Amino acid sequence: MQKHGKHKNNKVSYLESPERRKAFSPEQLLNRIPVKESDTILDFGAGTGYFSIPVAEETKGTVYALDLDASMLEIIKEKALEHQLTNIVPVEGSIEALPLPKKSIDIIIASLVLHEIKPLAPLLKQMKNLLKEEGYLICLELEPKGNSEKAPRITLEGMEQEIKDAGLEITEKFSPAEFLYMLVAQKSD
């Protein structure tokens, strides 16, 4: 990632780390979710495009890469050019400002970001509204460890309840590593 040297900081270093890839690679995610060639996907909290880029290679549909940090979106733009991807649309802002109509997204990927949202319920309801009928929310989060952890975290059980309360049905639970969990939820109303 030498081209992105100006963006090197702890956040980028972690998001691009071999340890993260070893724990749960984008390919592992793609093997577990039903991405179709025409799907429209929202990568919520896209960061450096860890999932946006590989997902965009799997679909001809639009991949919205949403992040609050403009420097992260610049990295995604650079990567999209490097990979000759034209279906990635970087979006700076929050879900409230996302100019997408209801029922327009097939899959939302939220990786290591939902634990930062307080309160979480309104956001999950908005995500549900963005999903097409039978659309999927993919949630990846770190499981809290003991009482000494400084970063906010939500347990698997807590996240599962939040997602159910938002009106989504959990279809799969998966722990790719001891400290990481993945929930797949589907809209069915």
C-alpha atoms as a PDB file:
ATOM      1  CA  MET A   1       0.000   0.000   0.000  1.00  0.00           C
ATOM      2  CA  GLN A   2       2.892   2.382  -0.664  1.00  0.00           C
ATOM      3  CA  LYS A   3       0.781   4.605  -2.926  1.00  0.00           C
ATOM      4  CA  HIS A   4      -1.361   5.424   0.075  1.00  0.00           C
ATOM      5  CA  GLY A   5       1.552   6.526   2.262  1.00  0.00           C
ATOM      6  CA  LYS A   6       0.069   9.947   2.983  1.00  0.00           C
ATOM      7  CA  HIS A   7      -2.880   8.165   4.621  1.00  0.00           C
ATOM      8  CA  LYS A   8      -0.750   5.843   6.736  1.00  0.00           C
ATOM      9  CA  ASN A   9      -1.899   6.009  10.310  1.00  0.00           C
ATOM     10  CA  ASN A  10      -2.989   3.509  12.899  1.00  0.00           C
ATOM     11  CA  LYS A  11      -6.476   3.169  11.410  1.00  0.00           C
ATOM     12  CA  VAL A  12      -5.238   2.469   7.889  1.00  0.00           C
ATOM     13  CA  SER A  13      -2.504   0.172   9.178  1.00  0.00           C
ATOM     14  CA  TYR A  14      -5.085  -1.909  11.040  1.00  0.00           C
ATOM     15  CA  LEU A  15      -7.624  -1.911   8.216  1.00  0.00           C
ATOM     16  CA  GLU A  16      -4.978  -3.142   5.772  1.00  0.00           C
ATOM     17  CA  SER A  17      -3.138  -5.471   8.155  1.00  0.00           C
ATOM     18  CA  PRO A  18      -2.226  -9.064   7.308  1.00  0.00           C
ATOM     19  CA  GLU A  19      -3.555 -10.038  10.755  1.00  0.00           C
ATOM     20  CA  ARG A  20      -7.018  -8.780   9.815  1.00  0.00           C
ATOM     21  CA  ARG A  21      -6.898 -10.610   6.499  1.00  0.00           C
ATOM     22  CA  LYS A  22      -5.801 -13.796   8.263  1.00  0.00           C
ATOM     23  CA  ALA A  23      -8.629 -13.531  10.823  1.00  0.00           C
ATOM     24  CA  PHE A  24     -11.327 -12.944   8.207  1.00  0.00           C
ATOM     25  CA  SER A  25     -10.552 -12.212   4.589  1.00  0.00           C
ATOM     26  CA  PRO A  26     -12.933 -10.621   2.085  1.00  0.00           C
ATOM     27  CA  GLU A  27     -12.905 -13.926   0.210  1.00  0.00           C
ATOM     28  CA  GLN A  28     -14.211 -15.726   3.300  1.00  0.00           C
ATOM     29  CA  LEU A  29     -17.053 -13.212   3.502  1.00  0.00           C
ATOM     30  CA  LEU A  30     -17.892 -13.596  -0.187  1.00  0.00           C
ATOM     31  CA  ASN A  31     -18.031 -17.371   0.233  1.00  0.00           C
ATOM     32  CA  ARG A  32     -20.667 -16.975   2.956  1.00  0.00           C
ATOM     33  CA  ILE A  33     -23.036 -14.430   1.413  1.00  0.00           C
ATOM     34  CA  PRO A  34     -25.238 -14.788  -1.659  1.00  0.00           C
ATOM     35  CA  VAL A  35     -23.789 -12.039  -3.902  1.00  0.00           C
ATOM     36  CA  LYS A  36     -25.454 -12.024  -7.311  1.00  0.00           C
ATOM     37  CA  GLU A  37     -24.042 -10.423 -10.437  1.00  0.00           C
ATOM     38  CA  SER A  38     -26.675  -7.662 -10.454  1.00  0.00           C
ATOM     39  CA  ASP A  39     -26.736  -6.875  -6.706  1.00  0.00           C
ATOM     40  CA  THR A  40     -26.596  -3.327  -5.358  1.00  0.00           C
ATOM     41  CA  ILE A  41     -24.451  -3.305  -2.235  1.00  0.00           C
ATOM     42  CA  LEU A  42     -23.812  -0.788   0.537  1.00  0.00           C
ATOM     43  CA  ASP A  43     -20.533  -1.085   2.437  1.00  0.00           C
ATOM     44  CA  PHE A  44     -21.433   0.915   5.543  1.00  0.00           C
ATOM     45  CA  GLY A  45     -18.290   2.275   7.201  1.00  0.00           C
ATOM     46  CA  ALA A  46     -16.233   1.182   4.192  1.00  0.00           C
ATOM     47  CA  GLY A  47     -12.881   2.320   5.551  1.00  0.00           C
ATOM     48  CA  THR A  48     -10.146   1.554   3.027  1.00  0.00           C
ATOM     49  CA  GLY A  49     -12.386  -0.605   0.845  1.00  0.00           C
ATOM     50  CA  TYR A  50     -11.394  -3.881   2.495  1.00  0.00           C
ATOM     51  CA  PHE A  51     -14.750  -5.353   1.453  1.00  0.00           C
ATOM     52  CA  SER A  52     -15.859  -2.777  -1.151  1.00  0.00           C
ATOM     53  CA  ILE A  53     -13.158  -3.649  -3.683  1.00  0.00           C
ATOM     54  CA  PRO A  54     -13.556  -7.470  -3.642  1.00  0.00           C
ATOM     55  CA  VAL A  55     -17.370  -7.186  -3.638  1.00  0.00           C
ATOM     56  CA  ALA A  56     -17.250  -4.796  -6.610  1.00  0.00           C
ATOM     57  CA  GLU A  57     -15.231  -7.426  -8.478  1.00  0.00           C
ATOM     58  CA  GLU A  58     -18.027  -9.960  -7.848  1.00  0.00           C
ATOM     59  CA  THR A  59     -20.979  -7.902  -9.047  1.00  0.00           C
ATOM     60  CA  LYS A  60     -21.828  -5.663 -11.963  1.00  0.00           C
ATOM     61  CA  GLY A  61     -24.258  -3.806  -9.694  1.00  0.00           C
ATOM     62  CA  THR A  62     -23.372  -0.619  -7.862  1.00  0.00           C
ATOM     63  CA  VAL A  63     -21.303  -0.818  -4.681  1.00  0.00           C
ATOM     64  CA  TYR A  64     -21.817   2.216  -2.455  1.00  0.00           C
ATOM     65  CA  ALA A  65     -18.790   2.733  -0.195  1.00  0.00           C
ATOM     66  CA  LEU A  66     -20.022   4.911   2.676  1.00  0.00           C
ATOM     67  CA  ASP A  67     -17.639   6.431   5.202  1.00  0.00           C
ATOM     68  CA  LEU A  68     -17.477   9.567   7.355  1.00  0.00           C
ATOM     69  CA  ASP A  69     -13.766  10.015   6.609  1.00  0.00           C
ATOM     70  CA  ALA A  70     -12.992  11.609   3.227  1.00  0.00           C
ATOM     71  CA  SER A  71      -9.399  10.288   3.348  1.00  0.00           C
ATOM     72  CA  MET A  72     -10.745   6.714   3.487  1.00  0.00           C
ATOM     73  CA  LEU A  73     -12.868   7.396   0.415  1.00  0.00           C
ATOM     74  CA  GLU A  74      -9.797   8.730  -1.417  1.00  0.00           C
ATOM     75  CA  ILE A  75      -8.065   5.409  -0.736  1.00  0.00           C
ATOM     76  CA  ILE A  76     -11.088   3.560  -2.132  1.00  0.00           C
ATOM     77  CA  LYS A  77     -11.082   5.751  -5.254  1.00  0.00           C
ATOM     78  CA  GLU A  78      -7.375   5.001  -5.803  1.00  0.00           C
ATOM     79  CA  LYS A  79      -7.925   1.274  -5.321  1.00  0.00           C
ATOM     80  CA  ALA A  80     -10.914   1.278  -7.677  1.00  0.00           C
ATOM     81  CA  LEU A  81      -8.713   2.885 -10.360  1.00  0.00           C
ATOM     82  CA  GLU A  82      -5.936   0.363  -9.740  1.00  0.00           C
ATOM     83  CA  HIS A  83      -8.428  -2.511 -10.104  1.00  0.00           C
ATOM     84  CA  GLN A  84     -10.213  -0.831 -13.035  1.00  0.00           C
ATOM     85  CA  LEU A  85     -13.538  -0.906 -11.207  1.00  0.00           C
ATOM     86  CA  THR A  86     -16.224   1.505 -12.349  1.00  0.00           C
ATOM     87  CA  ASN A  87     -19.100   0.262 -10.181  1.00  0.00           C
ATOM     88  CA  ILE A  88     -17.908   1.721  -6.848  1.00  0.00           C
ATOM     89  CA  VAL A  89     -19.597   4.935  -5.722  1.00  0.00           C
ATOM     90  CA  PRO A  90     -17.822   6.558  -2.738  1.00  0.00           C
ATOM     91  CA  VAL A  91     -20.268   8.373  -0.447  1.00  0.00           C
ATOM     92  CA  GLU A  92     -19.108  10.649   2.352  1.00  0.00           C
ATOM     93  CA  GLY A  93     -21.531  10.919   5.237  1.00  0.00           C
ATOM     94  CA  SER A  94     -23.865   8.976   7.417  1.00  0.00           C
ATOM     95  CA  ILE A  95     -26.783   6.718   6.640  1.00  0.00           C
ATOM     96  CA  GLU A  96     -29.153   9.632   7.284  1.00  0.00           C
ATOM     97  CA  ALA A  97     -27.580  11.579   4.405  1.00  0.00           C
ATOM     98  CA  LEU A  98     -27.406   8.686   1.963  1.00  0.00           C
ATOM     99  CA  PRO A  99     -29.401   9.604  -1.140  1.00  0.00           C
ATOM    100  CA  LEU A 100     -30.787   6.154  -1.788  1.00  0.00           C
ATOM    101  CA  PRO A 101     -34.424   5.281  -2.061  1.00  0.00           C
ATOM    102  CA  LYS A 102     -36.071   2.767   0.214  1.00  0.00           C
ATOM    103  CA  LYS A 103     -35.840  -0.844  -0.923  1.00  0.00           C
ATOM    104  CA  SER A 104     -32.878  -0.136  -3.228  1.00  0.00           C
ATOM    105  CA  ILE A 105     -30.095  -2.238  -1.643  1.00  0.00           C
ATOM    106  CA  ASP A 106     -29.655  -6.023  -1.906  1.00  0.00           C
ATOM    107  CA  ILE A 107     -26.851  -6.383   0.671  1.00  0.00           C
ATOM    108  CA  ILE A 108     -25.514  -4.093   3.403  1.00  0.00           C
ATOM    109  CA  ILE A 109     -22.104  -4.950   4.828  1.00  0.00           C
ATOM    110  CA  ALA A 110     -21.337  -3.348   8.206  1.00  0.00           C
ATOM    111  CA  SER A 111     -17.887  -4.400   9.365  1.00  0.00           C
ATOM    112  CA  LEU A 112     -16.492  -3.230  12.703  1.00  0.00           C
ATOM    113  CA  VAL A 113     -18.661  -0.115  12.753  1.00  0.00           C
ATOM    114  CA  LEU A 114     -22.074  -0.739  14.340  1.00  0.00           C
ATOM    115  CA  HIS A 115     -20.622  -0.846  17.873  1.00  0.00           C
ATOM    116  CA  GLU A 116     -19.786   2.867  17.474  1.00  0.00           C
ATOM    117  CA  ILE A 117     -23.408   3.917  16.809  1.00  0.00           C
ATOM    118  CA  LYS A 118     -25.444   5.055  19.802  1.00  0.00           C
ATOM    119  CA  PRO A 119     -28.345   4.460  19.845  1.00  0.00           C
ATOM    120  CA  LEU A 120     -28.146   1.639  17.326  1.00  0.00           C
ATOM    121  CA  ALA A 121     -31.872   0.916  16.871  1.00  0.00           C
ATOM    122  CA  PRO A 122     -32.710   3.914  14.615  1.00  0.00           C
ATOM    123  CA  LEU A 123     -29.803   3.107  12.279  1.00  0.00           C
ATOM    124  CA  LEU A 124     -30.765  -0.567  12.003  1.00  0.00           C
ATOM    125  CA  LYS A 125     -34.344   0.437  11.158  1.00  0.00           C
ATOM    126  CA  GLN A 126     -33.047   2.756   8.432  1.00  0.00           C
ATOM    127  CA  MET A 127     -30.892  -0.058   7.088  1.00  0.00           C
ATOM    128  CA  LYS A 128     -33.936  -2.320   7.021  1.00  0.00           C
ATOM    129  CA  ASN A 129     -35.807   0.343   5.037  1.00  0.00           C
ATOM    130  CA  LEU A 130     -32.976   0.538   2.483  1.00  0.00           C
ATOM    131  CA  LEU A 131     -33.001  -3.222   1.920  1.00  0.00           C
ATOM    132  CA  LYS A 132     -35.002  -4.754  -0.861  1.00  0.00           C
ATOM    133  CA  GLU A 133     -37.416  -7.543   0.022  1.00  0.00           C
ATOM    134  CA  GLU A 134     -35.291 -10.521   1.145  1.00  0.00           C
ATOM    135  CA  GLY A 135     -32.189  -8.280   1.226  1.00  0.00           C
ATOM    136  CA  TYR A 136     -29.350  -9.041   3.639  1.00  0.00           C
ATOM    137  CA  LEU A 137     -27.536  -7.201   6.413  1.00  0.00           C
ATOM    138  CA  ILE A 138     -24.080  -8.627   7.098  1.00  0.00           C
ATOM    139  CA  CYS A 139     -22.706  -7.574  10.488  1.00  0.00           C
ATOM    140  CA  LEU A 140     -19.111  -8.268  11.516  1.00  0.00           C
ATOM    141  CA  GLU A 141     -18.039  -7.219  14.998  1.00  0.00           C
ATOM    142  CA  LEU A 142     -15.401  -7.894  17.640  1.00  0.00           C
ATOM    143  CA  GLU A 143     -16.619  -9.739  20.717  1.00  0.00           C
ATOM    144  CA  PRO A 144     -15.854  -7.788  23.929  1.00  0.00           C
ATOM    145  CA  LYS A 145     -13.028  -9.214  26.050  1.00  0.00           C
ATOM    146  CA  GLY A 146     -13.241  -8.796  29.817  1.00  0.00           C
ATOM    147  CA  ASN A 147     -13.698  -5.476  31.599  1.00  0.00           C
ATOM    148  CA  SER A 148     -10.367  -3.967  30.573  1.00  0.00           C
ATOM    149  CA  GLU A 149     -11.300  -3.209  26.967  1.00  0.00           C
ATOM    150  CA  LYS A 150     -11.411   0.540  26.276  1.00  0.00           C
ATOM    151  CA  ALA A 151     -13.164   0.429  22.887  1.00  0.00           C
ATOM    152  CA  PRO A 152     -16.953   0.095  22.861  1.00  0.00           C
ATOM    153  CA  ARG A 153     -18.128  -3.354  21.835  1.00  0.00           C
ATOM    154  CA  ILE A 154     -21.412  -5.242  21.601  1.00  0.00           C
ATOM    155  CA  THR A 155     -21.672  -8.930  22.403  1.00  0.00           C
ATOM    156  CA  LEU A 156     -22.978 -11.376  19.821  1.00  0.00           C
ATOM    157  CA  GLU A 157     -26.147 -11.794  21.876  1.00  0.00           C
ATOM    158  CA  GLY A 158     -26.622  -8.034  22.235  1.00  0.00           C
ATOM    159  CA  MET A 159     -26.165  -7.410  18.510  1.00  0.00           C
ATOM    160  CA  GLU A 160     -28.461 -10.289  17.643  1.00  0.00           C
ATOM    161  CA  GLN A 161     -31.190  -8.765  19.825  1.00  0.00           C
ATOM    162  CA  GLU A 162     -30.700  -5.279  18.323  1.00  0.00           C
ATOM    163  CA  ILE A 163     -31.017  -6.703  14.798  1.00  0.00           C
ATOM    164  CA  LYS A 164     -34.119  -8.731  15.694  1.00  0.00           C
ATOM    165  CA  ASP A 165     -35.675  -5.685  17.370  1.00  0.00           C
ATOM    166  CA  ALA A 166     -35.177  -3.770  14.104  1.00  0.00           C
ATOM    167  CA  GLY A 167     -37.359  -6.353  12.354  1.00  0.00           C
ATOM    168  CA  LEU A 168     -34.702  -8.423  10.607  1.00  0.00           C
ATOM    169  CA  GLU A 169     -34.427 -12.193  10.852  1.00  0.00           C
ATOM    170  CA  ILE A 170     -31.066 -13.734  11.766  1.00  0.00           C
ATOM    171  CA  THR A 171     -30.331 -16.444   9.195  1.00  0.00           C
ATOM    172  CA  GLU A 172     -26.751 -17.287  10.143  1.00  0.00           C
ATOM    173  CA  LYS A 173     -24.262 -16.864  13.003  1.00  0.00           C
ATOM    174  CA  PHE A 174     -20.609 -17.492  12.397  1.00  0.00           C
ATOM    175  CA  SER A 175     -17.404 -16.998  14.403  1.00  0.00           C
ATOM    176  CA  PRO A 176     -14.449 -16.894  11.999  1.00  0.00           C
ATOM    177  CA  ALA A 177     -12.086 -16.239  14.914  1.00  0.00           C
ATOM    178  CA  GLU A 178     -12.299 -16.392  18.702  1.00  0.00           C
ATOM    179  CA  PHE A 179     -12.742 -12.625  18.958  1.00  0.00           C
ATOM    180  CA  LEU A 180     -14.878 -12.027  15.849  1.00  0.00           C
ATOM    181  CA  TYR A 181     -18.495 -12.783  15.002  1.00  0.00           C
ATOM    182  CA  MET A 182     -20.609 -12.453  11.897  1.00  0.00           C
ATOM    183  CA  LEU A 183     -24.385 -12.221  11.771  1.00  0.00           C
ATOM    184  CA  VAL A 184     -26.374 -12.527   8.567  1.00  0.00           C
ATOM    185  CA  ALA A 185     -29.856 -11.053   8.813  1.00  0.00           C
ATOM    186  CA  GLN A 186     -32.556 -10.986   6.166  1.00  0.00           C
ATOM    187  CA  LYS A 187     -35.471  -8.656   5.553  1.00  0.00           C
ATOM    188  CA  SER A 188     -38.720 -10.551   5.247  1.00  0.00           C
ATOM    189  CA  ASP A 189     -41.814  -8.419   5.502  1.00  0.00           C
END
